[in-house]
Amino acid sequence: LDKLRTLPVLLLHGDADTVVPVDQSKRFVMAMMQG
């Protein structure tokens, strides 16, 4: 995540996604917000 510092990122994910679990975005967003 340090390599993405200052990078504006928009994540869009559906809560009914059965291919890529939505937690792939949620965990990333939480970590980004904490940083």
PDB file of all heavy atoms in Angstrom:
ATOM      1  N   LEU A   1       0.820  -1.220   0.000  1.00  0.00           N
ATOM      2  CA  LEU A   1       0.000   0.000   0.000  1.00  0.00           C
ATOM      3  C   LEU A   1       0.849   1.264   0.000  1.00  0.00           C
ATOM      4  O   LEU A   1       0.406   2.313  -0.474  1.00  0.00           O
ATOM      5  CB  LEU A   1      -0.928  -0.002   1.222  1.00  0.00           C
ATOM      6  CG  LEU A   1      -1.983  -1.119   1.266  1.00  0.00           C
ATOM      7  CD1 LEU A   1      -2.858  -0.959   2.491  1.00  0.00           C
ATOM      8  CD2 LEU A   1      -2.832  -1.120   0.004  1.00  0.00           C
ATOM      9  N   ASP A   2       2.071   1.163   0.507  1.00  0.00           N
ATOM     10  CA  ASP A   2       2.956   2.324   0.542  1.00  0.00           C
ATOM     11  C   ASP A   2       3.270   2.833  -0.865  1.00  0.00           C
ATOM     12  O   ASP A   2       3.525   4.025  -1.066  1.00  0.00           O
ATOM     13  CB  ASP A   2       4.259   1.992   1.277  1.00  0.00           C
ATOM     14  CG  ASP A   2       5.004   0.826   0.630  1.00  0.00           C
ATOM     15  OD1 ASP A   2       4.364  -0.232   0.407  1.00  0.00           O
ATOM     16  OD2 ASP A   2       6.202   0.961   0.344  1.00  0.00           O
ATOM     17  N   LYS A   3       3.220   1.936  -1.850  1.00  0.00           N
ATOM     18  CA  LYS A   3       3.514   2.329  -3.229  1.00  0.00           C
ATOM     19  C   LYS A   3       2.331   3.039  -3.890  1.00  0.00           C
ATOM     20  O   LYS A   3       2.457   3.544  -5.002  1.00  0.00           O
ATOM     21  CB  LYS A   3       3.917   1.105  -4.043  1.00  0.00           C
ATOM     22  CG  LYS A   3       5.229   0.489  -3.583  1.00  0.00           C
ATOM     23  CD  LYS A   3       5.660  -0.661  -4.473  1.00  0.00           C
ATOM     24  CE  LYS A   3       6.996  -1.230  -4.010  1.00  0.00           C
ATOM     25  NZ  LYS A   3       7.451  -2.357  -4.858  1.00  0.00           N
ATOM     26  N   LEU A   4       1.198   3.052  -3.211  1.00  0.00           N
ATOM     27  CA  LEU A   4       0.013   3.730  -3.736  1.00  0.00           C
ATOM     28  C   LEU A   4      -0.262   5.028  -2.995  1.00  0.00           C
ATOM     29  O   LEU A   4      -1.314   5.638  -3.172  1.00  0.00           O
ATOM     30  CB  LEU A   4      -1.209   2.809  -3.642  1.00  0.00           C
ATOM     31  CG  LEU A   4      -1.108   1.466  -4.371  1.00  0.00           C
ATOM     32  CD1 LEU A   4      -2.387   0.661  -4.180  1.00  0.00           C
ATOM     33  CD2 LEU A   4      -0.816   1.660  -5.853  1.00  0.00           C
ATOM     34  N   ARG A   5       0.668   5.440  -2.162  1.00  0.00           N
ATOM     35  CA  ARG A   5       0.481   6.675  -1.397  1.00  0.00           C
ATOM     36  C   ARG A   5       0.284   7.859  -2.348  1.00  0.00           C
ATOM     37  O   ARG A   5       0.978   7.989  -3.343  1.00  0.00           O
ATOM     38  CB  ARG A   5       1.693   6.923  -0.490  1.00  0.00           C
ATOM     39  CG  ARG A   5       1.490   8.052   0.511  1.00  0.00           C
ATOM     40  CD  ARG A   5       2.608   8.076   1.539  1.00  0.00           C
ATOM     41  NE  ARG A   5       2.633   6.847   2.326  1.00  0.00           N
ATOM     42  CZ  ARG A   5       1.831   6.597   3.355  1.00  0.00           C
ATOM     43  NH1 ARG A   5       0.915   7.485   3.695  1.00  0.00           N
ATOM     44  NH2 ARG A   5       1.939   5.470   4.018  1.00  0.00           N
ATOM     45  N   THR A   6      -0.674   8.676  -2.045  1.00  0.00           N
ATOM     46  CA  THR A   6      -1.089   9.864  -2.806  1.00  0.00           C
ATOM     47  C   THR A   6      -1.874   9.516  -4.077  1.00  0.00           C
ATOM     48  O   THR A   6      -2.328  10.422  -4.783  1.00  0.00           O
ATOM     49  CB  THR A   6       0.092  10.780  -3.204  1.00  0.00           C
ATOM     50  OG1 THR A   6       0.840  10.197  -4.277  1.00  0.00           O
ATOM     51  CG2 THR A   6       0.994  11.058  -2.015  1.00  0.00           C
ATOM     52  N   LEU A   7      -2.046   8.223  -4.382  1.00  0.00           N
ATOM     53  CA  LEU A   7      -2.786   7.846  -5.586  1.00  0.00           C
ATOM     54  C   LEU A   7      -4.288   7.881  -5.326  1.00  0.00           C
ATOM     55  O   LEU A   7      -4.790   7.166  -4.461  1.00  0.00           O
ATOM     56  CB  LEU A   7      -2.402   6.434  -6.028  1.00  0.00           C
ATOM     57  CG  LEU A   7      -3.230   5.864  -7.191  1.00  0.00           C
ATOM     58  CD1 LEU A   7      -2.827   6.550  -8.501  1.00  0.00           C
ATOM     59  CD2 LEU A   7      -3.050   4.354  -7.303  1.00  0.00           C
ATOM     60  N   PRO A   8      -5.049   8.674  -6.063  1.00  0.00           N
ATOM     61  CA  PRO A   8      -6.516   8.633  -5.930  1.00  0.00           C
ATOM     62  C   PRO A   8      -7.049   7.324  -6.524  1.00  0.00           C
ATOM     63  O   PRO A   8      -6.757   6.996  -7.674  1.00  0.00           O
ATOM     64  CB  PRO A   8      -6.978   9.838  -6.753  1.00  0.00           C
ATOM     65  CG  PRO A   8      -5.770  10.717  -6.888  1.00  0.00           C
ATOM     66  CD  PRO A   8      -4.618   9.767  -6.949  1.00  0.00           C
ATOM     67  N   VAL A   9      -7.818   6.583  -5.728  1.00  0.00           N
ATOM     68  CA  VAL A   9      -8.353   5.298  -6.159  1.00  0.00           C
ATOM     69  C   VAL A   9      -9.864   5.279  -5.941  1.00  0.00           C
ATOM     70  O   VAL A   9     -10.345   5.625  -4.864  1.00  0.00           O
ATOM     71  CB  VAL A   9      -7.718   4.118  -5.391  1.00  0.00           C
ATOM     72  CG1 VAL A   9      -8.320   2.788  -5.851  1.00  0.00           C
ATOM     73  CG2 VAL A   9      -6.211   4.096  -5.582  1.00  0.00           C
ATOM     74  N   LEU A  10     -10.594   4.847  -6.967  1.00  0.00           N
ATOM     75  CA  LEU A  10     -12.036   4.625  -6.859  1.00  0.00           C
ATOM     76  C   LEU A  10     -12.283   3.134  -7.005  1.00  0.00           C
ATOM     77  O   LEU A  10     -11.867   2.517  -7.995  1.00  0.00           O
ATOM     78  CB  LEU A  10     -12.783   5.386  -7.961  1.00  0.00           C
ATOM     79  CG  LEU A  10     -14.277   5.079  -8.122  1.00  0.00           C
ATOM     80  CD1 LEU A  10     -15.055   5.485  -6.874  1.00  0.00           C
ATOM     81  CD2 LEU A  10     -14.847   5.770  -9.361  1.00  0.00           C
ATOM     82  N   LEU A  11     -12.943   2.530  -6.023  1.00  0.00           N
ATOM     83  CA  LEU A  11     -13.304   1.113  -6.086  1.00  0.00           C
ATOM     84  C   LEU A  11     -14.811   0.975  -6.176  1.00  0.00           C
ATOM     85  O   LEU A  11     -15.556   1.595  -5.408  1.00  0.00           O
ATOM     86  CB  LEU A  11     -12.811   0.356  -4.843  1.00  0.00           C
ATOM     87  CG  LEU A  11     -11.410  -0.246  -4.954  1.00  0.00           C
ATOM     88  CD1 LEU A  11     -10.366   0.821  -4.684  1.00  0.00           C
ATOM     89  CD2 LEU A  11     -11.236  -1.396  -3.987  1.00  0.00           C
ATOM     90  N   LEU A  12     -15.249   0.133  -7.110  1.00  0.00           N
ATOM     91  CA  LEU A  12     -16.659  -0.159  -7.283  1.00  0.00           C
ATOM     92  C   LEU A  12     -16.839  -1.673  -7.228  1.00  0.00           C
ATOM     93  O   LEU A  12     -16.139  -2.415  -7.919  1.00  0.00           O
ATOM     94  CB  LEU A  12     -17.148   0.362  -8.642  1.00  0.00           C
ATOM     95  CG  LEU A  12     -16.922   1.855  -8.912  1.00  0.00           C
ATOM     96  CD1 LEU A  12     -17.210   2.190 -10.376  1.00  0.00           C
ATOM     97  CD2 LEU A  12     -17.785   2.707  -7.994  1.00  0.00           C
ATOM     98  N   HIS A  13     -17.760  -2.135  -6.389  1.00  0.00           N
ATOM     99  CA  HIS A  13     -17.964  -3.581  -6.232  1.00  0.00           C
ATOM    100  C   HIS A  13     -19.419  -3.825  -5.854  1.00  0.00           C
ATOM    101  O   HIS A  13     -20.030  -3.025  -5.138  1.00  0.00           O
ATOM    102  CB  HIS A  13     -17.052  -4.131  -5.132  1.00  0.00           C
ATOM    103  CG  HIS A  13     -16.586  -5.531  -5.380  1.00  0.00           C
ATOM    104  ND1 HIS A  13     -15.254  -5.909  -5.256  1.00  0.00           N
ATOM    105  CD2 HIS A  13     -17.254  -6.654  -5.745  1.00  0.00           C
ATOM    106  CE1 HIS A  13     -15.146  -7.203  -5.533  1.00  0.00           C
ATOM    107  NE2 HIS A  13     -16.345  -7.673  -5.826  1.00  0.00           N
ATOM    108  N   GLY A  14     -19.971  -4.922  -6.342  1.00  0.00           N
ATOM    109  CA  GLY A  14     -21.338  -5.262  -6.002  1.00  0.00           C
ATOM    110  C   GLY A  14     -21.395  -6.233  -4.841  1.00  0.00           C
ATOM    111  O   GLY A  14     -20.552  -7.124  -4.733  1.00  0.00           O
ATOM    112  N   ASP A  15     -22.397  -6.081  -3.976  1.00  0.00           N
ATOM    113  CA  ASP A  15     -22.482  -6.977  -2.820  1.00  0.00           C
ATOM    114  C   ASP A  15     -23.035  -8.354  -3.195  1.00  0.00           C
ATOM    115  O   ASP A  15     -23.088  -9.258  -2.360  1.00  0.00           O
ATOM    116  CB  ASP A  15     -23.312  -6.347  -1.692  1.00  0.00           C
ATOM    117  CG  ASP A  15     -24.780  -6.126  -2.074  1.00  0.00           C
ATOM    118  OD1 ASP A  15     -25.182  -6.490  -3.210  1.00  0.00           O
ATOM    119  OD2 ASP A  15     -25.527  -5.596  -1.230  1.00  0.00           O
ATOM    120  N   ALA A  16     -23.420  -8.535  -4.480  1.00  0.00           N
ATOM    121  CA  ALA A  16     -23.915  -9.834  -4.946  1.00  0.00           C
ATOM    122  C   ALA A  16     -22.924 -10.497  -5.908  1.00  0.00           C
ATOM    123  O   ALA A  16     -23.296 -11.386  -6.674  1.00  0.00           O
ATOM    124  CB  ALA A  16     -25.272  -9.671  -5.621  1.00  0.00           C
ATOM    125  N   ASP A  17     -21.672 -10.068  -5.853  1.00  0.00           N
ATOM    126  CA  ASP A  17     -20.627 -10.617  -6.727  1.00  0.00           C
ATOM    127  C   ASP A  17     -20.249 -12.019  -6.260  1.00  0.00           C
ATOM    128  O   ASP A  17     -19.810 -12.202  -5.124  1.00  0.00           O
ATOM    129  CB  ASP A  17     -19.393  -9.707  -6.684  1.00  0.00           C
ATOM    130  CG  ASP A  17     -18.383 -10.006  -7.790  1.00  0.00           C
ATOM    131  OD1 ASP A  17     -18.236 -11.186  -8.160  1.00  0.00           O
ATOM    132  OD2 ASP A  17     -17.750  -9.054  -8.268  1.00  0.00           O
ATOM    133  N   THR A  18     -20.398 -13.023  -7.136  1.00  0.00           N
ATOM    134  CA  THR A  18     -20.064 -14.407  -6.792  1.00  0.00           C
ATOM    135  C   THR A  18     -18.775 -14.863  -7.466  1.00  0.00           C
ATOM    136  O   THR A  18     -18.398 -16.023  -7.355  1.00  0.00           O
ATOM    137  CB  THR A  18     -21.206 -15.361  -7.208  1.00  0.00           C
ATOM    138  OG1 THR A  18     -21.428 -15.246  -8.619  1.00  0.00           O
ATOM    139  CG2 THR A  18     -22.481 -15.033  -6.464  1.00  0.00           C
ATOM    140  N   VAL A  19     -18.101 -13.951  -8.167  1.00  0.00           N
ATOM    141  CA  VAL A  19     -16.839 -14.292  -8.837  1.00  0.00           C
ATOM    142  C   VAL A  19     -15.648 -13.785  -8.041  1.00  0.00           C
ATOM    143  O   VAL A  19     -14.799 -14.557  -7.600  1.00  0.00           O
ATOM    144  CB  VAL A  19     -16.818 -13.735 -10.276  1.00  0.00           C
ATOM    145  CG1 VAL A  19     -15.486 -14.057 -10.959  1.00  0.00           C
ATOM    146  CG2 VAL A  19     -17.967 -14.321 -11.087  1.00  0.00           C
ATOM    147  N   VAL A  20     -15.572 -12.488  -7.852  1.00  0.00           N
ATOM    148  CA  VAL A  20     -14.546 -11.898  -6.985  1.00  0.00           C
ATOM    149  C   VAL A  20     -15.236 -11.466  -5.698  1.00  0.00           C
ATOM    150  O   VAL A  20     -16.066 -10.551  -5.716  1.00  0.00           O
ATOM    151  CB  VAL A  20     -13.858 -10.688  -7.650  1.00  0.00           C
ATOM    152  CG1 VAL A  20     -12.879 -10.034  -6.671  1.00  0.00           C
ATOM    153  CG2 VAL A  20     -13.128 -11.111  -8.911  1.00  0.00           C
ATOM    154  N   PRO A  21     -14.938 -12.126  -4.586  1.00  0.00           N
ATOM    155  CA  PRO A  21     -15.602 -11.789  -3.321  1.00  0.00           C
ATOM    156  C   PRO A  21     -15.467 -10.308  -2.987  1.00  0.00           C
ATOM    157  O   PRO A  21     -14.401  -9.713  -3.183  1.00  0.00           O
ATOM    158  CB  PRO A  21     -14.866 -12.664  -2.293  1.00  0.00           C
ATOM    159  CG  PRO A  21     -14.356 -13.824  -3.097  1.00  0.00           C
ATOM    160  CD  PRO A  21     -13.984 -13.235  -4.436  1.00  0.00           C
ATOM    161  N   VAL A  22     -16.536  -9.720  -2.490  1.00  0.00           N
ATOM    162  CA  VAL A  22     -16.531  -8.293  -2.201  1.00  0.00           C
ATOM    163  C   VAL A  22     -15.511  -7.937  -1.131  1.00  0.00           C
ATOM    164  O   VAL A  22     -15.058  -6.784  -1.056  1.00  0.00           O
ATOM    165  CB  VAL A  22     -17.953  -7.826  -1.799  1.00  0.00           C
ATOM    166  CG1 VAL A  22     -18.342  -8.366  -0.436  1.00  0.00           C
ATOM    167  CG2 VAL A  22     -18.067  -6.315  -1.854  1.00  0.00           C
ATOM    168  N   ASP A  23     -15.091  -8.911  -0.333  1.00  0.00           N
ATOM    169  CA  ASP A  23     -14.096  -8.600   0.699  1.00  0.00           C
ATOM    170  C   ASP A  23     -12.732  -8.267   0.084  1.00  0.00           C
ATOM    171  O   ASP A  23     -11.880  -7.682   0.745  1.00  0.00           O
ATOM    172  CB  ASP A  23     -13.983  -9.725   1.739  1.00  0.00           C
ATOM    173  CG  ASP A  23     -13.112 -10.887   1.281  1.00  0.00           C
ATOM    174  OD1 ASP A  23     -13.113 -11.204   0.074  1.00  0.00           O
ATOM    175  OD2 ASP A  23     -12.445 -11.494   2.144  1.00  0.00           O
ATOM    176  N   GLN A  24     -12.517  -8.621  -1.195  1.00  0.00           N
ATOM    177  CA  GLN A  24     -11.286  -8.211  -1.870  1.00  0.00           C
ATOM    178  C   GLN A  24     -11.213  -6.683  -1.948  1.00  0.00           C
ATOM    179  O   GLN A  24     -10.138  -6.100  -1.852  1.00  0.00           O
ATOM    180  CB  GLN A  24     -11.222  -8.814  -3.276  1.00  0.00           C
ATOM    181  CG  GLN A  24     -10.879 -10.294  -3.319  1.00  0.00           C
ATOM    182  CD  GLN A  24      -9.394 -10.552  -3.174  1.00  0.00           C
ATOM    183  OE1 GLN A  24      -8.560  -9.682  -3.432  1.00  0.00           O
ATOM    184  NE2 GLN A  24      -9.039 -11.768  -2.754  1.00  0.00           N
ATOM    185  N   SER A  25     -12.343  -6.040  -2.093  1.00  0.00           N
ATOM    186  CA  SER A  25     -12.383  -4.575  -2.103  1.00  0.00           C
ATOM    187  C   SER A  25     -12.484  -4.009  -0.687  1.00  0.00           C
ATOM    188  O   SER A  25     -11.804  -3.043  -0.338  1.00  0.00           O
ATOM    189  CB  SER A  25     -13.568  -4.083  -2.938  1.00  0.00           C
ATOM    190  OG  SER A  25     -13.339  -4.280  -4.315  1.00  0.00           O
ATOM    191  N   LYS A  26     -13.329  -4.621   0.140  1.00  0.00           N
ATOM    192  CA  LYS A  26     -13.542  -4.094   1.492  1.00  0.00           C
ATOM    193  C   LYS A  26     -12.259  -4.058   2.317  1.00  0.00           C
ATOM    194  O   LYS A  26     -11.962  -3.067   2.991  1.00  0.00           O
ATOM    195  CB  LYS A  26     -14.599  -4.934   2.210  1.00  0.00           C
ATOM    196  CG  LYS A  26     -16.031  -4.629   1.818  1.00  0.00           C
ATOM    197  CD  LYS A  26     -16.991  -5.465   2.654  1.00  0.00           C
ATOM    198  CE  LYS A  26     -18.400  -4.960   2.560  1.00  0.00           C
ATOM    199  NZ  LYS A  26     -19.346  -5.732   3.383  1.00  0.00           N
ATOM    200  N   ARG A  27     -11.509  -5.139   2.286  1.00  0.00           N
ATOM    201  CA  ARG A  27     -10.277  -5.213   3.069  1.00  0.00           C
ATOM    202  C   ARG A  27      -9.254  -4.205   2.557  1.00  0.00           C
ATOM    203  O   ARG A  27      -8.529  -3.579   3.332  1.00  0.00           O
ATOM    204  CB  ARG A  27      -9.701  -6.626   3.038  1.00  0.00           C
ATOM    205  CG  ARG A  27     -10.599  -7.661   3.735  1.00  0.00           C
ATOM    206  CD  ARG A  27     -10.080  -9.084   3.586  1.00  0.00           C
ATOM    207  NE  ARG A  27      -8.893  -9.311   4.376  1.00  0.00           N
ATOM    208  CZ  ARG A  27      -7.664  -9.488   3.868  1.00  0.00           C
ATOM    209  NH1 ARG A  27      -7.475  -9.448   2.556  1.00  0.00           N
ATOM    210  NH2 ARG A  27      -6.632  -9.688   4.656  1.00  0.00           N
ATOM    211  N   PHE A  28      -9.200  -4.058   1.241  1.00  0.00           N
ATOM    212  CA  PHE A  28      -8.282  -3.099   0.638  1.00  0.00           C
ATOM    213  C   PHE A  28      -8.655  -1.668   1.036  1.00  0.00           C
ATOM    214  O   PHE A  28      -7.794  -0.872   1.422  1.00  0.00           O
ATOM    215  CB  PHE A  28      -8.311  -3.249  -0.882  1.00  0.00           C
ATOM    216  CG  PHE A  28      -7.496  -2.230  -1.625  1.00  0.00           C
ATOM    217  CD1 PHE A  28      -6.120  -2.337  -1.706  1.00  0.00           C
ATOM    218  CD2 PHE A  28      -8.120  -1.156  -2.255  1.00  0.00           C
ATOM    219  CE1 PHE A  28      -5.372  -1.394  -2.395  1.00  0.00           C
ATOM    220  CE2 PHE A  28      -7.383  -0.208  -2.950  1.00  0.00           C
ATOM    221  CZ  PHE A  28      -6.004  -0.336  -3.022  1.00  0.00           C
ATOM    222  N   VAL A  29      -9.940  -1.356   0.954  1.00  0.00           N
ATOM    223  CA  VAL A  29     -10.404  -0.010   1.289  1.00  0.00           C
ATOM    224  C   VAL A  29     -10.129   0.303   2.759  1.00  0.00           C
ATOM    225  O   VAL A  29      -9.665   1.400   3.104  1.00  0.00           O
ATOM    226  CB  VAL A  29     -11.903   0.140   0.977  1.00  0.00           C
ATOM    227  CG1 VAL A  29     -12.454   1.429   1.567  1.00  0.00           C
ATOM    228  CG2 VAL A  29     -12.122   0.121  -0.533  1.00  0.00           C
ATOM    229  N   MET A  30     -10.390  -0.656   3.625  1.00  0.00           N
ATOM    230  CA  MET A  30     -10.154  -0.444   5.051  1.00  0.00           C
ATOM    231  C   MET A  30      -8.685  -0.160   5.326  1.00  0.00           C
ATOM    232  O   MET A  30      -8.340   0.757   6.085  1.00  0.00           O
ATOM    233  CB  MET A  30     -10.610  -1.672   5.851  1.00  0.00           C
ATOM    234  CG  MET A  30     -10.501  -1.485   7.361  1.00  0.00           C
ATOM    235  SD  MET A  30     -11.163  -2.897   8.283  1.00  0.00           S
ATOM    236  CE  MET A  30     -12.887  -2.810   7.803  1.00  0.00           C
ATOM    237  N   ALA A  31      -7.812  -0.935   4.676  1.00  0.00           N
ATOM    238  CA  ALA A  31      -6.375  -0.734   4.861  1.00  0.00           C
ATOM    239  C   ALA A  31      -5.939   0.616   4.301  1.00  0.00           C
ATOM    240  O   ALA A  31      -5.105   1.315   4.890  1.00  0.00           O
ATOM    241  CB  ALA A  31      -5.603  -1.862   4.193  1.00  0.00           C
ATOM    242  N   MET A  32      -6.495   0.993   3.163  1.00  0.00           N
ATOM    243  CA  MET A  32      -6.162   2.291   2.571  1.00  0.00           C
ATOM    244  C   MET A  32      -6.622   3.436   3.474  1.00  0.00           C
ATOM    245  O   MET A  32      -5.892   4.418   3.671  1.00  0.00           O
ATOM    246  CB  MET A  32      -6.821   2.413   1.196  1.00  0.00           C
ATOM    247  CG  MET A  32      -6.225   1.529   0.121  1.00  0.00           C
ATOM    248  SD  MET A  32      -4.707   2.190  -0.611  1.00  0.00           S
ATOM    249  CE  MET A  32      -5.377   3.435  -1.727  1.00  0.00           C
ATOM    250  N   MET A  33      -7.807   3.308   4.038  1.00  0.00           N
ATOM    251  CA  MET A  33      -8.322   4.358   4.912  1.00  0.00           C
ATOM    252  C   MET A  33      -7.495   4.474   6.186  1.00  0.00           C
ATOM    253  O   MET A  33      -7.227   5.576   6.668  1.00  0.00           O
ATOM    254  CB  MET A  33      -9.784   4.078   5.238  1.00  0.00           C
ATOM    255  CG  MET A  33     -10.720   4.228   4.034  1.00  0.00           C
ATOM    256  SD  MET A  33     -12.455   3.841   4.417  1.00  0.00           S
ATOM    257  CE  MET A  33     -12.859   5.205   5.518  1.00  0.00           C
ATOM    258  N   GLN A  34      -7.084   3.336   6.722  1.00  0.00           N
ATOM    259  CA  GLN A  34      -6.254   3.354   7.923  1.00  0.00           C
ATOM    260  C   GLN A  34      -4.922   4.048   7.658  1.00  0.00           C
ATOM    261  O   GLN A  34      -4.357   4.694   8.538  1.00  0.00           O
ATOM    262  CB  GLN A  34      -6.027   1.928   8.424  1.00  0.00           C
ATOM    263  CG  GLN A  34      -7.270   1.293   9.023  1.00  0.00           C
ATOM    264  CD  GLN A  34      -7.070  -0.153   9.416  1.00  0.00           C
ATOM    265  OE1 GLN A  34      -6.079  -0.799   9.036  1.00  0.00           O
ATOM    266  NE2 GLN A  34      -8.001  -0.688  10.191  1.00  0.00           N
ATOM    267  N   GLY A  35      -4.421   3.899   6.438  1.00  0.00           N
ATOM    268  CA  GLY A  35      -3.175   4.548   6.062  1.00  0.00           C
ATOM    269  C   GLY A  35      -3.375   5.955   5.534  1.00  0.00           C
ATOM    270  O   GLY A  35      -2.430   6.591   5.072  1.00  0.00           O
TER     271      GLY A  35
END
